[in-house]
């Protein structure tokens, strides 16, 4: 095997080996088997002694001469390169942090490898682990969570590690401080049951980065919700559409004040003079004059409730109008534009506009009413610019960090996005795509929420302090848990936001 083989090729090979073992009748080892104990002892030497203590000799002794390391966030390494990077990186005498690895209990699966004569020659280990980092004088902080696959080979009666794959790195929480409700899983689960909230997802942004993901509850009876649960986030679709338009504006491809009728006119309002007043700016600040949805009109048709640009009225129809104009202008669908400008650059692989594109339906959080009755999922077949985006805490948190850090947004466009386009209530405004809370002393928060049957979601960003909070729930009245979470994670700024919202 050459060192330039891709990570995914090697992973496919190992998966193929596993499938072959299943085909001929072998399964994973029992935990009390001799092979299981041997591999776990090697794992302990490699990490508990080698990694946690920076004992380089353990790696030298346990690796085969042709060892290869594949990492989904870094390049491929052979034995020489890996040991060099280890010595001069996390095990350097001048390092700022000490690192520790912890194997996730119950995550390990071990599969024996036999040759055609039935002789054991190797084993595949598949596990998950967490990493922690500690700087002098400070408490230990949780780092990333990752999966790994190891190919162990029996050479001259010694078990050696031949191939190592490290992948699916995630930033997730640990139970660091059990005195805090949301760091105590048992207490949080109890609190959710008291409030009849089946599933809760929280994302915490600090220093402009998604620091933690916490997911509590069950997808359905007996099935724990994973950290990468897929949610329908309802109107949190709108900020994605808005940022898409703002990225096009930043690139000089879209004029926010250009009339949209040049590209699209809805037949229902084709003869209305107000149609020529509609622009992307007016749509993104909810000043179109449209109802939220045309079906709310007795006629079932789209109309204007007031002259565009004169006042605020929240409207999903406006965002759909913008979608159709953008699709005509650029001759691409909304999903194609989003993939090109947002999803693919940010590696948001679990974010989709259409139900059939979900990567893993088994991770989807079904919505419930406040009596515990499940709703049938909205299986939308076409993209909607205003509603029904499917995503994870990690994907949406990555998106929000990108927005807060102005990735792909010019200073002019970012300033317009965060400026007061229209007042909605005292100390609360709509900018372009986000609501804005005026917190005083030149401080502000960006926000948006989502609400549908079995969906209550909200996000908050504090660009000045580079903080943020994501809250996803899958129940009609999930909003009732917002206040406690916002106060807990955003402190005084959170209290100010709640005061503005409740006055």
Protein backbone atom coordinates (compact mmCIF):
# COMPACT_ATOMS: atom_id res chain seq x y z
CA UNK A 1 0.00 0.00 0.00
CA UNK A 2 1.38 3.44 -0.96
CA UNK A 3 1.23 6.40 1.38
CA UNK A 4 -0.80 8.49 -1.12
CA UNK A 5 -3.85 6.23 -0.95
CA UNK A 6 -6.79 8.28 0.32
CA UNK A 7 -8.32 8.06 3.76
CA UNK A 8 -11.64 7.04 2.24
CA UNK A 9 -10.07 4.31 0.12
CA UNK A 10 -8.45 2.78 3.20
CA UNK A 11 -11.66 3.07 5.19
CA UNK A 12 -13.52 1.32 2.35
CA UNK A 13 -10.93 -1.47 2.38
CA UNK A 14 -11.33 -2.03 6.10
CA UNK A 15 -15.11 -1.96 5.82
CA UNK A 16 -14.80 -4.50 3.02
CA UNK A 17 -12.71 -6.75 5.24
CA UNK A 18 -15.37 -6.54 7.93
CA UNK A 19 -18.14 -7.36 5.49
CA UNK A 20 -16.17 -10.37 4.31
CA UNK A 21 -15.81 -11.57 7.90
CA UNK A 22 -19.57 -11.28 8.38
CA UNK A 23 -20.16 -13.16 5.14
CA UNK A 24 -18.08 -16.16 6.20
CA UNK A 25 -19.55 -16.21 9.69
CA UNK A 26 -17.26 -14.28 12.04
CA UNK A 27 -18.56 -11.59 14.37
CA UNK A 28 -17.14 -9.20 16.92
CA UNK A 29 -15.26 -10.56 19.90
CA UNK A 30 -16.90 -10.95 23.31
CA UNK A 31 -15.42 -8.69 25.97
CA UNK A 32 -14.16 -11.65 27.99
CA UNK A 33 -12.34 -13.24 25.04
CA UNK A 34 -8.56 -13.48 24.98
CA UNK A 35 -8.29 -11.45 21.75
CA UNK A 36 -10.46 -8.65 23.13
CA UNK A 37 -8.29 -8.42 26.25
CA UNK A 38 -5.09 -8.41 24.20
CA UNK A 39 -6.21 -5.59 21.89
CA UNK A 40 -7.51 -3.54 24.81
CA UNK A 41 -4.15 -3.95 26.58
CA UNK A 42 -2.40 -2.65 23.46
CA UNK A 43 -4.87 0.24 23.30
CA UNK A 44 -4.02 1.09 26.92
CA UNK A 45 -0.28 1.03 26.20
CA UNK A 46 -0.76 3.20 23.15
CA UNK A 47 -2.91 5.87 24.76
CA UNK A 48 -2.92 5.66 28.57
CA UNK A 49 0.87 5.32 28.63
CA UNK A 50 2.05 6.55 25.23
CA UNK A 51 -0.30 9.45 24.44
CA UNK A 52 -1.30 10.63 27.92
CA UNK A 53 2.29 10.53 29.21
CA UNK A 54 4.00 11.47 25.94
CA UNK A 55 6.03 8.25 26.10
CA UNK A 56 7.21 8.18 22.49
CA UNK A 57 8.82 4.76 22.89
CA UNK A 58 5.39 3.15 23.23
CA UNK A 59 4.48 4.36 19.75
CA UNK A 60 7.82 3.24 18.31
CA UNK A 61 7.44 -0.26 19.78
CA UNK A 62 3.76 -0.75 18.94
CA UNK A 63 3.81 0.44 15.33
CA UNK A 64 4.79 -1.69 12.34
CA UNK A 65 7.65 -0.36 10.23
CA UNK A 66 5.18 0.50 7.44
CA UNK A 67 2.61 2.11 9.80
CA UNK A 68 0.26 4.67 8.23
CA UNK A 69 -2.00 7.21 9.96
CA UNK A 70 -5.08 8.69 8.26
CA UNK A 71 -6.76 11.75 9.81
CA UNK A 72 -9.89 13.44 8.46
CA UNK A 73 -8.66 16.91 9.49
CA UNK A 74 -5.03 16.47 8.45
CA UNK A 75 -2.80 14.74 5.94
CA UNK A 76 -1.67 11.10 5.71
CA UNK A 77 1.41 10.24 7.80
CA UNK A 78 3.85 7.34 7.76
CA UNK A 79 5.65 6.19 10.93
CA UNK A 80 8.52 8.66 10.60
CA UNK A 81 6.29 11.66 9.95
CA UNK A 82 3.83 10.70 12.69
CA UNK A 83 6.56 10.35 15.35
CA UNK A 84 8.17 13.61 14.24
CA UNK A 85 4.87 15.50 14.50
CA UNK A 86 4.15 13.92 17.89
CA UNK A 87 7.56 14.87 19.33
CA UNK A 88 7.41 18.41 17.98
CA UNK A 89 3.72 19.01 18.50
CA UNK A 90 1.58 17.89 21.41
CA UNK A 91 4.59 16.27 23.13
CA UNK A 92 6.98 19.16 22.55
CA UNK A 93 8.86 20.37 25.69
CA UNK A 94 7.58 23.89 24.91
CA UNK A 95 3.92 22.87 24.51
CA UNK A 96 1.30 25.13 26.09
CA UNK A 97 -1.17 22.35 26.85
CA UNK A 98 -1.13 18.84 28.24
CA UNK A 99 -3.42 16.43 26.44
CA UNK A 100 -5.30 13.39 27.68
CA UNK A 101 -7.31 10.78 25.82
CA UNK A 102 -10.21 8.86 27.32
CA UNK A 103 -11.78 5.82 25.66
CA UNK A 104 -15.59 5.98 25.51
CA UNK A 105 -16.89 3.13 27.63
CA UNK A 106 -18.84 0.56 25.64
CA UNK A 107 -17.81 1.97 22.25
CA UNK A 108 -15.23 -0.67 21.33
CA UNK A 109 -15.87 -3.43 18.81
CA UNK A 110 -13.14 -5.90 17.89
CA UNK A 111 -13.26 -8.22 14.89
CA UNK A 112 -10.76 -11.06 14.29
CA UNK A 113 -9.05 -11.50 10.92
CA UNK A 114 -8.24 -15.04 9.72
CA UNK A 115 -6.39 -16.21 6.64
CA UNK A 116 -7.81 -18.86 4.29
CA UNK A 117 -6.37 -21.59 6.52
CA UNK A 118 -8.30 -20.31 9.52
CA UNK A 119 -5.20 -18.90 11.24
CA UNK A 120 -5.58 -15.63 13.13
CA UNK A 121 -3.36 -12.94 11.63
CA UNK A 122 -4.93 -9.66 12.77
CA UNK A 123 -7.82 -7.74 14.28
CA UNK A 124 -9.83 -4.62 13.57
CA UNK A 125 -10.64 -2.33 16.50
CA UNK A 126 -13.44 0.23 16.11
CA UNK A 127 -13.93 2.66 19.00
CA UNK A 128 -14.66 6.23 20.02
CA UNK A 129 -12.70 8.49 22.31
CA UNK A 130 -12.61 11.98 23.81
CA UNK A 131 -9.65 14.28 24.18
CA UNK A 132 -9.03 16.82 26.94
CA UNK A 133 -6.56 19.67 27.22
CA UNK A 134 -5.11 21.46 30.24
CA UNK A 135 -2.97 24.58 30.48
CA UNK A 136 -0.94 25.52 33.60
CA UNK A 137 -3.04 26.89 36.43
CA UNK A 138 -6.35 26.20 34.69
CA UNK A 139 -8.84 23.32 34.97
CA UNK A 140 -8.94 20.66 32.30
CA UNK A 141 -11.15 21.52 29.30
CA UNK A 142 -12.92 19.07 26.96
CA UNK A 143 -11.57 18.94 23.42
CA UNK A 144 -12.80 16.89 20.50
CA UNK A 145 -14.67 13.60 20.27
CA UNK A 146 -13.67 11.20 17.48
CA UNK A 147 -14.09 7.72 16.10
CA UNK A 148 -11.12 5.58 15.19
CA UNK A 149 -10.43 2.30 13.43
CA UNK A 150 -7.21 0.36 14.06
CA UNK A 151 -5.80 -2.51 12.05
CA UNK A 152 -3.68 -4.68 14.37
CA UNK A 153 -1.44 -7.37 12.87
CA UNK A 154 0.20 -10.34 14.56
CA UNK A 155 3.88 -10.22 13.54
CA UNK A 156 6.41 -12.64 15.01
CA UNK A 157 3.95 -13.40 17.82
CA UNK A 158 3.64 -9.69 18.70
CA UNK A 159 0.64 -7.46 18.10
CA UNK A 160 1.56 -4.33 16.13
CA UNK A 161 -0.55 -1.44 14.89
CA UNK A 162 -0.36 -1.26 11.10
CA UNK A 163 -3.03 1.28 10.11
CA UNK A 164 -4.83 3.95 12.11
CA UNK A 165 -7.87 5.93 10.92
CA UNK A 166 -9.08 8.90 12.99
CA UNK A 167 -12.31 10.50 11.78
CA UNK A 168 -15.70 12.09 12.55
CA UNK A 169 -14.13 14.65 14.90
CA UNK A 170 -16.77 16.58 16.83
CA UNK A 171 -16.82 19.15 19.59
CA UNK A 172 -19.26 17.78 22.18
CA UNK A 173 -19.77 18.30 25.87
CA UNK A 174 -18.67 16.32 28.86
CA UNK A 175 -20.08 16.38 32.37
CA UNK A 176 -17.48 18.87 33.56
CA UNK A 177 -19.37 20.57 36.39
CA UNK A 178 -22.26 18.59 37.76
CA UNK A 179 -23.38 21.49 39.94
CA UNK A 180 -24.67 23.16 36.75
CA UNK A 181 -27.95 21.79 35.46
CA UNK A 182 -26.87 21.46 31.84
CA UNK A 183 -23.62 19.71 32.80
CA UNK A 184 -25.51 17.09 34.77
CA UNK A 185 -27.17 14.75 32.32
CA UNK A 186 -29.42 12.99 34.85
CA UNK A 187 -30.68 16.29 36.29
CA UNK A 188 -31.26 17.74 32.82
CA UNK A 189 -33.17 14.66 31.66
CA UNK A 190 -35.37 14.89 34.76
CA UNK A 191 -36.00 18.60 34.11
CA UNK A 192 -36.97 17.89 30.50
CA UNK A 193 -39.43 15.19 31.56
CA UNK A 194 -41.01 17.63 34.01
CA UNK A 195 -41.48 20.05 31.10
CA UNK A 196 -42.61 17.36 28.63
CA UNK A 197 -39.75 18.12 26.23
CA UNK A 198 -38.77 14.90 24.40
CA UNK A 199 -35.47 16.14 22.94
CA UNK A 200 -33.30 19.18 23.55
CA UNK A 201 -30.21 20.25 21.62
CA UNK A 202 -27.90 23.02 22.79
CA UNK A 203 -24.90 24.52 21.00
CA UNK A 204 -22.52 26.85 22.85
CA UNK A 205 -20.35 29.31 20.94
CA UNK A 206 -17.38 30.97 22.64
CA UNK A 207 -14.56 32.99 21.11
CA UNK A 208 -16.26 32.72 17.74
CA UNK A 209 -16.11 28.91 17.71
CA UNK A 210 -18.64 26.17 18.39
CA UNK A 211 -17.28 24.96 21.71
CA UNK A 212 -19.84 22.42 22.89
CA UNK A 213 -22.79 20.41 21.68
CA UNK A 214 -25.23 18.94 24.18
CA UNK A 215 -28.17 16.77 23.17
CA UNK A 216 -30.58 15.36 25.76
CA UNK A 217 -33.62 13.10 25.66
CA UNK A 218 -34.82 10.43 23.25
CA UNK A 219 -35.72 10.36 19.58
CA UNK A 220 -38.39 7.87 20.50
CA UNK A 221 -38.99 5.44 23.35
CA UNK A 222 -35.75 3.74 24.31
CA UNK A 223 -33.60 5.44 21.63
CA UNK A 224 -31.25 8.07 23.03
CA UNK A 225 -30.89 11.17 20.88
CA UNK A 226 -27.31 11.33 19.50
CA UNK A 227 -25.16 14.46 19.45
CA UNK A 228 -25.69 14.59 15.66
CA UNK A 229 -29.48 14.42 15.83
CA UNK A 230 -31.11 15.85 12.70
CA UNK A 231 -33.76 18.51 13.36
CA UNK A 232 -36.35 20.34 11.32
CA UNK A 233 -35.55 23.93 12.36
CA UNK A 234 -38.55 25.62 10.70
CA UNK A 235 -37.87 29.33 10.13
CA UNK A 236 -34.19 29.05 10.95
CA UNK A 237 -34.13 28.34 7.22
CA UNK A 238 -34.50 32.09 6.61
CA UNK A 239 -31.05 33.13 7.95
CA UNK A 240 -29.45 30.62 5.58
CA UNK A 241 -31.31 32.11 2.62
CA UNK A 242 -30.49 35.61 3.84
CA UNK A 243 -26.76 34.92 4.20
CA UNK A 244 -26.76 33.31 0.76
CA UNK A 245 -28.11 36.56 -0.69
CA UNK A 246 -25.66 38.64 1.36
CA UNK A 247 -22.72 36.56 0.13
CA UNK A 248 -23.86 37.18 -3.44
CA UNK A 249 -24.08 40.89 -2.64
CA UNK A 250 -20.59 40.85 -1.08
CA UNK A 251 -19.24 39.25 -4.25
CA UNK A 252 -20.81 41.99 -6.37
CA UNK A 253 -23.22 39.56 -8.00
CA UNK A 254 -26.42 40.93 -6.40
CA UNK A 255 -27.57 44.47 -5.74
CA UNK A 256 -29.69 44.43 -2.58
CA UNK A 257 -31.70 47.40 -3.89
CA UNK A 258 -32.30 46.14 -7.42
CA UNK A 259 -36.00 45.50 -8.16
CA UNK A 260 -36.77 41.78 -8.18
CA UNK A 261 -39.43 42.05 -10.90
CA UNK A 262 -36.58 42.03 -13.43
CA UNK A 263 -36.19 38.34 -12.66
CA UNK A 264 -39.48 37.17 -11.18
CA UNK A 265 -43.06 38.34 -10.82
CA UNK A 266 -45.68 36.28 -9.04
CA UNK A 267 -48.81 35.94 -11.23
CA UNK A 268 -51.04 36.92 -8.27
CA UNK A 269 -49.51 40.42 -8.14
CA UNK A 270 -48.40 40.88 -11.75
CA UNK A 271 -50.66 43.92 -12.22
CA UNK A 272 -49.91 45.54 -8.86
CA UNK A 273 -47.72 48.70 -8.98
CA UNK A 274 -46.19 47.71 -5.62
CA UNK A 275 -44.54 44.73 -7.31
CA UNK A 276 -41.85 47.01 -8.77
CA UNK A 277 -40.85 48.16 -5.27
CA UNK A 278 -39.76 44.72 -4.06
CA UNK A 279 -36.02 44.30 -3.51
CA UNK A 280 -33.80 41.81 -1.66
CA UNK A 281 -33.30 44.38 1.12
CA UNK A 282 -37.05 44.75 1.61
CA UNK A 283 -37.51 40.96 1.68
CA UNK A 284 -34.65 40.34 4.15
CA UNK A 285 -35.99 42.99 6.55
CA UNK A 286 -39.60 41.73 6.28
CA UNK A 287 -41.06 44.89 4.76
CA UNK A 288 -42.68 43.36 1.64
CA UNK A 289 -46.26 43.96 2.77
CA UNK A 290 -47.03 40.28 2.12
CA UNK A 291 -48.89 38.08 4.63
CA UNK A 292 -46.79 35.35 6.25
CA UNK A 293 -48.36 32.83 3.84
CA UNK A 294 -50.91 33.39 1.10
CA UNK A 295 -53.08 30.51 2.30
CA UNK A 296 -53.92 32.71 5.29
CA UNK A 297 -55.89 34.97 2.92
CA UNK A 298 -59.49 34.04 2.27
CA UNK A 299 -58.75 34.13 -1.45
CA UNK A 300 -55.67 31.93 -1.05
CA UNK A 301 -53.79 34.39 -3.27
CA UNK A 302 -50.78 36.61 -2.63
CA UNK A 303 -51.47 40.30 -2.04
CA UNK A 304 -50.02 43.42 -0.42
CA UNK A 305 -51.23 44.52 3.00
CA UNK A 306 -49.29 47.80 2.73
CA UNK A 307 -46.78 49.56 0.49
CA UNK A 308 -43.42 47.72 0.52
CA UNK A 309 -40.71 49.39 2.58
CA UNK A 310 -43.06 51.35 4.85
CA UNK A 311 -43.32 49.03 7.86
CA UNK A 312 -42.58 45.58 9.27
CA UNK A 313 -44.60 42.39 8.78
CA UNK A 314 -42.99 38.98 9.07
CA UNK A 315 -43.41 37.01 5.85
CA UNK A 316 -42.33 33.61 4.63
CA UNK A 317 -43.84 34.50 1.24
CA UNK A 318 -41.24 37.23 0.90
CA UNK A 319 -38.38 34.75 1.22
CA UNK A 320 -39.99 32.41 -1.29
CA UNK A 321 -40.35 35.37 -3.65
CA UNK A 322 -36.65 36.10 -3.26
CA UNK A 323 -35.79 32.44 -3.88
CA UNK A 324 -37.61 32.42 -7.20
CA UNK A 325 -35.93 35.67 -8.25
CA UNK A 326 -32.45 34.37 -7.36
CA UNK A 327 -33.06 31.06 -9.10
CA UNK A 328 -34.09 32.91 -12.28
CA UNK A 329 -31.19 35.37 -12.07
CA UNK A 330 -28.48 32.76 -11.52
CA UNK A 331 -30.13 29.83 -13.32
CA UNK A 332 -29.48 27.62 -10.29
CA UNK A 333 -31.75 26.15 -7.63
CA UNK A 334 -31.63 27.31 -4.01
CA UNK A 335 -29.95 24.04 -2.91
CA UNK A 336 -27.33 24.45 -5.64
CA UNK A 337 -26.56 28.02 -4.58
CA UNK A 338 -26.46 27.06 -0.90
CA UNK A 339 -24.17 24.11 -1.59
CA UNK A 340 -21.84 26.32 -3.57
CA UNK A 341 -21.65 29.26 -1.15
CA UNK A 342 -22.41 27.81 2.30
CA UNK A 343 -22.87 24.08 2.81
CA UNK A 344 -19.88 22.68 0.95
CA UNK A 345 -17.34 25.34 2.03
CA UNK A 346 -18.41 24.83 5.67
CA UNK A 347 -18.71 21.02 5.31
CA UNK A 348 -22.34 21.10 6.47
CA UNK A 349 -22.96 17.56 5.25
CA UNK A 350 -26.08 16.98 7.38
CA UNK A 351 -27.91 20.13 6.22
CA UNK A 352 -30.57 19.68 3.54
CA UNK A 353 -33.58 21.56 2.16
CA UNK A 354 -35.38 18.41 1.01
CA UNK A 355 -36.45 15.39 3.07
CA UNK A 356 -35.25 12.79 0.57
CA UNK A 357 -31.71 14.18 0.83
CA UNK A 358 -31.33 13.41 4.57
CA UNK A 359 -28.16 11.39 5.11
CA UNK A 360 -29.59 9.27 7.96
CA UNK A 361 -33.32 9.37 8.69
CA UNK A 362 -32.78 7.26 11.84
CA UNK A 363 -31.24 10.36 13.49
CA UNK A 364 -34.25 12.59 12.83
CA UNK A 365 -36.03 14.14 15.84
CA UNK A 366 -39.76 13.63 15.26
CA UNK A 367 -41.95 16.50 16.49
CA UNK A 368 -44.54 16.20 19.27
CA UNK A 369 -47.48 18.19 20.61
CA UNK A 370 -47.55 19.19 24.27
CA UNK A 371 -49.47 16.02 25.17
CA UNK A 372 -46.77 13.71 23.80
CA UNK A 373 -48.47 12.84 20.51
CA UNK A 374 -46.11 12.54 17.56
CA UNK A 375 -46.65 14.49 14.34
CA UNK A 376 -46.03 13.01 10.93
CA UNK A 377 -42.72 14.53 9.71
CA UNK A 378 -42.91 17.18 7.01
CA UNK A 379 -41.39 15.32 4.06
CA UNK A 380 -40.94 18.30 1.76
CA UNK A 381 -40.03 17.38 -1.82
CA UNK A 382 -38.95 20.87 -2.91
CA UNK A 383 -36.74 23.49 -1.29
CA UNK A 384 -38.43 26.27 0.66
CA UNK A 385 -36.41 29.42 1.35
CA UNK A 386 -38.31 30.16 4.54
CA UNK A 387 -39.07 26.87 6.24
CA UNK A 388 -38.27 23.20 6.93
CA UNK A 389 -34.46 23.18 6.73
CA UNK A 390 -33.03 19.92 8.09
CA UNK A 391 -29.79 20.27 10.04
CA UNK A 392 -27.77 19.41 13.15
CA UNK A 393 -26.53 21.51 16.05
CA UNK A 394 -22.99 21.18 14.72
CA UNK A 395 -23.84 22.20 11.16
CA UNK A 396 -25.99 25.17 12.15
CA UNK A 397 -23.48 26.23 14.80
CA UNK A 398 -20.72 26.14 12.18
CA UNK A 399 -22.90 28.32 9.95
CA UNK A 400 -23.53 30.85 12.74
CA UNK A 401 -19.84 31.08 13.61
CA UNK A 402 -19.14 31.77 9.95
CA UNK A 403 -21.73 34.57 9.95
CA UNK A 404 -20.45 36.11 13.19
CA UNK A 405 -16.89 36.05 11.84
CA UNK A 406 -18.03 37.70 8.56
CA UNK A 407 -16.78 34.83 6.40
CA UNK A 408 -17.57 35.70 2.79
CA UNK A 409 -19.28 38.95 3.82
CA UNK A 410 -17.80 42.33 3.00
CA UNK A 411 -17.58 44.88 5.83
CA UNK A 412 -20.21 47.00 4.09
CA UNK A 413 -22.66 44.11 3.79
CA UNK A 414 -22.01 42.87 7.35
CA UNK A 415 -22.66 46.38 8.67
CA UNK A 416 -25.92 46.54 6.72
CA UNK A 417 -26.93 43.08 7.98
CA UNK A 418 -26.49 44.27 11.58
CA UNK A 419 -28.02 47.73 11.09
CA UNK A 420 -31.56 48.67 12.17
CA UNK A 421 -33.58 48.36 8.97
CA UNK A 422 -36.95 48.50 10.70
CA UNK A 423 -38.14 48.66 14.34
CA UNK A 424 -40.34 45.81 15.55
CA UNK A 425 -40.67 46.86 19.22
CA UNK A 426 -38.71 48.92 21.77
CA UNK A 427 -35.00 48.01 21.57
CA UNK A 428 -35.72 45.34 18.96
CA UNK A 429 -35.26 45.66 15.21
CA UNK A 430 -34.94 43.63 12.05
CA UNK A 431 -31.70 43.88 10.14
CA UNK A 432 -31.07 41.82 7.01
CA UNK A 433 -32.03 38.25 7.85
CA UNK A 434 -31.70 38.57 11.63
CA UNK A 435 -33.52 40.27 14.47
CA UNK A 436 -31.40 42.69 16.46
CA UNK A 437 -31.64 43.30 20.21
CA UNK A 438 -30.19 46.62 21.41
CA UNK A 439 -28.44 45.69 24.68
CA UNK A 440 -26.95 49.13 25.39
CA UNK A 441 -23.36 50.40 25.50
CA UNK A 442 -22.95 49.67 21.78
CA UNK A 443 -23.66 45.98 22.46
CA UNK A 444 -26.23 43.99 20.52
CA UNK A 445 -27.48 40.48 19.83
CA UNK A 446 -28.55 38.88 16.56
CA UNK A 447 -31.36 36.37 16.76
CA UNK A 448 -33.87 34.29 14.85
CA UNK A 449 -36.37 31.66 15.84
CA UNK A 450 -38.35 28.87 14.26
CA UNK A 451 -41.80 27.51 15.09
CA UNK A 452 -43.90 24.85 13.39
CA UNK A 453 -45.87 21.82 14.53
CA UNK A 454 -43.50 19.99 16.86
CA UNK A 455 -40.70 22.51 16.31
CA UNK A 456 -39.43 25.33 18.55
CA UNK A 457 -35.94 26.64 17.85
CA UNK A 458 -33.96 29.79 18.52
CA UNK A 459 -30.43 31.08 18.00
CA UNK A 460 -28.65 34.07 19.57
CA UNK A 461 -25.35 35.66 18.57
CA UNK A 462 -23.33 38.31 20.41
CA UNK A 463 -20.82 39.55 17.79
CA UNK A 464 -19.05 41.92 20.21
CA UNK A 465 -18.14 39.15 22.66
CA UNK A 466 -18.04 36.35 20.03
CA UNK A 467 -20.61 34.32 22.01
CA UNK A 468 -23.60 32.43 20.75
CA UNK A 469 -26.31 29.98 21.73
CA UNK A 470 -28.37 27.47 19.76
CA UNK A 471 -31.50 25.85 21.21
CA UNK A 472 -33.44 23.18 19.31
CA UNK A 473 -36.51 21.41 20.69
CA UNK A 474 -39.05 19.07 19.06
CA UNK A 475 -42.27 19.97 20.84
CA UNK A 476 -44.99 22.61 20.32
CA UNK A 477 -44.22 24.48 23.54
CA UNK A 478 -40.46 23.98 23.63
CA UNK A 479 -40.08 27.75 24.03
CA UNK A 480 -40.86 27.38 27.74
CA UNK A 481 -37.33 26.08 28.40
CA UNK A 482 -35.62 28.96 26.58
CA UNK A 483 -35.38 31.40 29.47
CA UNK A 484 -33.50 29.08 31.81
CA UNK A 485 -31.03 28.11 29.09
CA UNK A 486 -30.46 31.69 27.89
CA UNK A 487 -29.88 32.94 31.45
CA UNK A 488 -27.51 30.06 32.15
CA UNK A 489 -25.26 30.53 29.13
CA UNK A 490 -25.52 34.26 28.34
CA UNK A 491 -25.70 35.75 31.84
CA UNK A 492 -26.47 39.48 31.98
CA UNK A 493 -26.78 39.76 28.21
CA UNK A 494 -29.26 36.90 28.29
CA UNK A 495 -31.32 38.67 30.96
CA UNK A 496 -31.42 41.84 28.84
CA UNK A 497 -32.62 39.88 25.80
CA UNK A 498 -35.38 38.26 27.86
CA UNK A 499 -36.42 41.63 29.31
CA UNK A 500 -36.75 43.13 25.83
CA UNK A 501 -38.66 40.11 24.59
CA UNK A 502 -41.12 39.97 27.50
CA UNK A 503 -41.93 43.69 27.77
